[in-house]
N, C-alpha and C. Protein backbone atom coordinates (compact mmCIF):
# COMPACT_ATOMS: atom_id res chain seq x y z
N MET A 1 108.56 61.22 -73.60
CA MET A 1 109.14 62.59 -73.33
C MET A 1 108.12 63.70 -73.73
N ARG A 2 108.17 63.40 -75.04
CA ARG A 2 106.85 63.73 -76.04
C ARG A 2 105.82 64.00 -76.14
N ASN A 3 105.32 62.68 -75.01
CA ASN A 3 104.09 63.21 -74.70
C ASN A 3 103.79 63.72 -73.29
N LEU A 4 105.03 63.54 -72.44
CA LEU A 4 104.95 64.89 -71.87
C LEU A 4 104.80 66.30 -72.29
N LYS A 5 105.02 66.32 -72.74
CA LYS A 5 105.03 67.67 -73.65
C LYS A 5 104.01 68.19 -73.69
N PHE A 6 103.12 67.61 -74.96
CA PHE A 6 102.10 67.69 -75.26
C PHE A 6 100.71 67.54 -74.11
N LYS A 7 100.58 66.96 -73.21
CA LYS A 7 99.99 66.79 -72.10
C LYS A 7 100.19 67.97 -71.40
N PHE A 8 101.08 69.00 -70.99
CA PHE A 8 101.55 69.62 -70.46
C PHE A 8 101.13 71.18 -71.16
N LEU A 9 101.34 70.87 -72.74
CA LEU A 9 101.40 72.48 -73.47
C LEU A 9 99.51 72.57 -74.26
N LEU A 10 99.11 71.20 -74.20
CA LEU A 10 97.53 71.67 -75.03
C LEU A 10 96.78 72.40 -73.73
N PRO A 11 96.53 72.21 -72.60
CA PRO A 11 96.24 72.75 -71.68
C PRO A 11 96.41 74.58 -71.57
N VAL A 12 97.78 74.49 -71.57
CA VAL A 12 97.70 76.36 -71.55
C VAL A 12 97.88 76.46 -72.92
N ALA A 13 97.84 76.00 -74.30
CA ALA A 13 97.44 76.92 -74.98
C ALA A 13 95.71 76.77 -75.11
N ALA A 14 94.79 76.04 -74.12
CA ALA A 14 93.60 76.09 -74.24
C ALA A 14 93.36 77.76 -73.74
N PHE A 15 94.30 77.60 -72.48
CA PHE A 15 93.95 78.53 -71.18
C PHE A 15 93.97 80.26 -71.95
N MET A 16 95.34 80.12 -72.87
CA MET A 16 96.00 81.67 -73.81
C MET A 16 94.75 81.63 -74.80
N LEU A 17 94.09 80.67 -75.66
CA LEU A 17 93.21 80.68 -76.08
C LEU A 17 91.32 81.45 -75.78
N ALA A 18 91.63 81.17 -74.31
CA ALA A 18 90.69 81.45 -73.51
C ALA A 18 90.57 82.65 -73.29
N ILE A 19 91.76 83.18 -72.87
CA ILE A 19 92.09 84.84 -72.98
C ILE A 19 92.08 85.43 -73.49
N ALA A 20 92.65 85.38 -75.23
CA ALA A 20 92.40 86.03 -76.15
C ALA A 20 91.35 86.46 -76.79
N ALA A 21 90.27 84.79 -76.07
CA ALA A 21 88.89 85.32 -76.79
C ALA A 21 88.03 86.64 -76.20
N ALA A 22 88.68 86.59 -74.68
CA ALA A 22 87.89 87.20 -73.43
C ALA A 22 88.02 88.72 -73.63
N PHE A 23 89.50 88.98 -74.46
CA PHE A 23 89.67 90.14 -74.15
C PHE A 23 89.28 90.66 -76.08
N ALA A 24 88.82 89.16 -76.73
CA ALA A 24 88.87 90.27 -78.11
C ALA A 24 87.13 90.36 -78.41
N SER A 25 86.35 89.64 -77.19
CA SER A 25 85.05 89.60 -77.22
C SER A 25 84.39 91.08 -76.43
N GLN A 26 85.47 91.81 -75.86
CA GLN A 26 84.96 93.00 -75.03
C GLN A 26 84.50 94.18 -76.00
N THR A 27 83.48 94.52 -76.10
CA THR A 27 82.97 96.12 -76.53
C THR A 27 83.72 96.76 -76.01
N GLU A 28 83.57 97.78 -76.93
CA GLU A 28 83.92 99.05 -76.55
C GLU A 28 83.05 99.88 -75.51
N GLU A 29 83.56 100.36 -73.86
CA GLU A 29 83.16 101.57 -73.14
C GLU A 29 82.86 102.28 -74.00
N GLN A 30 80.78 103.28 -74.03
CA GLN A 30 80.83 104.55 -74.20
C GLN A 30 80.93 105.29 -72.86
N VAL A 31 81.96 106.62 -73.65
CA VAL A 31 81.96 107.13 -72.59
C VAL A 31 81.21 108.29 -71.80
N GLU A 32 81.24 108.40 -70.23
CA GLU A 32 79.82 108.67 -70.20
C GLU A 32 80.13 110.41 -70.48
N SER A 33 79.22 111.46 -70.63
CA SER A 33 79.71 112.50 -70.36
C SER A 33 78.91 113.42 -68.76
N ALA A 34 79.83 113.87 -67.96
CA ALA A 34 79.00 114.76 -67.30
C ALA A 34 78.42 115.98 -67.65
N LEU A 35 77.73 115.93 -67.11
CA LEU A 35 76.42 117.44 -67.38
C LEU A 35 77.42 118.68 -66.64
N VAL A 36 77.32 119.78 -67.71
CA VAL A 36 78.18 121.21 -66.89
C VAL A 36 77.59 122.39 -66.60
N GLN A 37 77.29 123.05 -66.10
CA GLN A 37 76.30 123.78 -65.73
C GLN A 37 76.56 125.01 -66.78
N GLY A 38 75.57 125.43 -67.48
CA GLY A 38 76.15 126.33 -68.84
C GLY A 38 75.12 127.99 -68.04
N TYR A 39 75.80 128.65 -69.13
CA TYR A 39 75.04 130.27 -68.55
C TYR A 39 75.04 130.73 -69.88
N ILE A 40 74.29 131.85 -69.94
CA ILE A 40 74.44 132.95 -70.20
C ILE A 40 74.92 134.46 -70.34
N TYR A 41 75.13 135.43 -70.83
CA TYR A 41 75.72 136.54 -70.69
C TYR A 41 74.94 137.19 -70.91
N GLN A 42 74.14 137.61 -69.54
CA GLN A 42 72.98 138.89 -69.80
C GLN A 42 72.96 139.97 -68.56
N ASN A 43 73.51 141.20 -69.36
CA ASN A 43 73.14 142.66 -68.20
C ASN A 43 74.90 142.61 -67.81
N GLY A 44 75.85 142.10 -68.30
CA GLY A 44 77.23 142.40 -67.89
C GLY A 44 77.21 141.03 -66.65
N VAL A 45 76.50 140.11 -66.59
CA VAL A 45 76.83 138.70 -65.32
C VAL A 45 76.25 137.59 -66.29
N CYS A 46 76.83 136.39 -65.60
CA CYS A 46 76.74 135.09 -65.71
C CYS A 46 75.24 134.71 -64.97
N VAL A 47 74.42 134.57 -66.15
CA VAL A 47 73.01 133.57 -64.88
C VAL A 47 73.27 132.56 -65.56
N PRO A 48 72.80 131.31 -64.69
CA PRO A 48 72.47 130.30 -64.86
C PRO A 48 71.77 129.63 -65.71
N HIS A 49 71.74 128.98 -66.99
CA HIS A 49 70.85 128.67 -67.68
C HIS A 49 70.75 126.84 -68.07
N GLY A 50 70.54 126.05 -67.56
CA GLY A 50 70.93 125.38 -68.28
C GLY A 50 72.06 124.28 -67.83
N LYS A 51 72.00 122.59 -68.70
CA LYS A 51 73.57 122.52 -68.75
C LYS A 51 73.46 121.81 -70.02
N CYS A 52 74.48 121.77 -70.17
CA CYS A 52 75.19 120.90 -71.90
C CYS A 52 75.80 119.65 -71.39
N ASP A 53 76.10 118.64 -72.40
CA ASP A 53 77.09 117.27 -71.69
C ASP A 53 78.25 117.32 -72.28
N ASN A 54 78.36 117.93 -73.27
CA ASN A 54 79.60 118.13 -73.87
C ASN A 54 80.04 116.91 -74.36
N SER A 55 79.55 116.47 -75.20
CA SER A 55 80.02 114.96 -75.54
C SER A 55 79.70 115.40 -77.95
N SER A 56 79.94 116.44 -77.86
CA SER A 56 79.53 116.69 -79.33
C SER A 56 80.33 117.86 -79.73
N THR A 57 80.45 117.54 -81.24
CA THR A 57 81.69 119.37 -81.45
C THR A 57 80.39 120.31 -82.12
N VAL A 58 79.21 120.78 -81.71
CA VAL A 58 78.09 121.41 -82.24
C VAL A 58 78.25 121.90 -80.46
N ILE A 59 78.23 123.75 -81.24
CA ILE A 59 78.08 124.37 -80.32
C ILE A 59 76.66 124.56 -78.84
N CYS A 60 76.86 124.54 -78.10
CA CYS A 60 75.47 124.63 -77.10
C CYS A 60 74.87 125.50 -77.48
N SER A 61 73.47 125.58 -77.59
CA SER A 61 72.73 126.54 -77.20
C SER A 61 71.45 126.27 -77.23
N ASP A 62 70.64 127.36 -76.27
CA ASP A 62 69.07 126.87 -76.14
C ASP A 62 68.05 127.12 -77.53
N GLY A 63 68.53 127.11 -78.21
CA GLY A 63 67.72 127.69 -79.62
C GLY A 63 68.06 128.85 -80.45
N SER A 64 68.12 130.13 -79.88
CA SER A 64 68.35 131.35 -80.07
C SER A 64 69.75 131.38 -79.07
N ARG A 65 69.88 131.52 -78.34
CA ARG A 65 71.23 131.82 -77.68
C ARG A 65 72.21 130.99 -77.06
N GLN A 66 73.39 130.47 -77.24
CA GLN A 66 75.08 130.43 -77.44
C GLN A 66 75.32 130.00 -75.91
N VAL A 67 75.14 129.03 -75.53
CA VAL A 67 75.60 128.72 -73.65
C VAL A 67 76.63 128.61 -73.53
N PHE A 68 77.27 129.30 -72.04
CA PHE A 68 78.67 129.03 -72.18
C PHE A 68 79.33 128.35 -70.83
N GLY A 69 80.47 127.93 -70.49
CA GLY A 69 80.67 127.54 -69.29
C GLY A 69 81.54 128.50 -68.71
N LYS A 70 81.58 128.72 -67.01
CA LYS A 70 82.21 129.78 -66.36
C LYS A 70 83.78 129.03 -66.20
N ASN A 71 85.18 129.83 -66.67
CA ASN A 71 85.93 130.00 -66.94
C ASN A 71 86.84 130.59 -65.96
N GLY A 72 86.32 131.20 -64.86
CA GLY A 72 86.86 132.05 -63.95
C GLY A 72 85.85 132.59 -62.84
N PRO A 73 85.77 133.41 -62.07
CA PRO A 73 84.94 133.16 -61.36
C PRO A 73 83.59 134.46 -61.21
N THR A 74 84.42 135.06 -62.33
CA THR A 74 82.84 135.92 -63.03
C THR A 74 82.71 135.86 -64.59
N THR A 75 83.70 135.24 -65.19
CA THR A 75 83.51 135.22 -66.52
C THR A 75 83.06 134.04 -66.59
N CYS A 76 82.00 134.01 -68.18
CA CYS A 76 81.65 133.05 -68.59
C CYS A 76 81.61 132.92 -70.50
N SER A 77 83.02 132.92 -70.66
CA SER A 77 83.19 132.60 -72.04
C SER A 77 83.78 131.17 -72.63
N LEU A 78 83.75 130.47 -71.69
CA LEU A 78 84.01 128.89 -71.98
C LEU A 78 82.99 127.80 -73.04
N PRO A 79 83.86 128.08 -74.29
CA PRO A 79 82.44 127.60 -74.90
C PRO A 79 81.93 125.98 -74.49
N LEU A 80 80.88 125.47 -74.92
CA LEU A 80 80.29 124.23 -74.45
C LEU A 80 79.46 123.84 -75.64
N PHE A 81 79.36 122.25 -75.40
CA PHE A 81 79.20 122.14 -76.89
C PHE A 81 77.74 121.00 -76.26
N MET A 82 77.04 120.51 -77.74
CA MET A 82 75.88 120.21 -77.47
C MET A 82 75.84 118.70 -76.00
N ASN A 83 74.90 118.45 -75.66
CA ASN A 83 73.49 119.13 -75.50
C ASN A 83 73.10 119.87 -75.23
N TRP A 84 72.16 120.66 -75.31
CA TRP A 84 71.62 121.28 -74.02
C TRP A 84 70.07 120.55 -73.10
N GLN A 85 70.38 120.65 -71.66
CA GLN A 85 69.08 120.25 -70.74
C GLN A 85 68.63 121.32 -70.19
N PRO A 86 67.21 121.93 -70.18
CA PRO A 86 66.98 122.92 -68.76
C PRO A 86 67.15 122.91 -67.54
């Protein structure tokens, strides 16, 4: 009876160990950031101006002007974050 338990539990334990090792060896996936259309406020109108990827905490700018996202059909005051791409 003892030999029968051993013959049953050893493959089950090996299988459980293999599953645990498979999950433990997985690396975390990097979050892919989607590009968001950026706008600048020019002469009272939102003008398309490059894209930002929203992957950082640094405000998105083209070097001299802050780039915003649209938060409505006519307003562009939603802050976007780095990195800016033309």
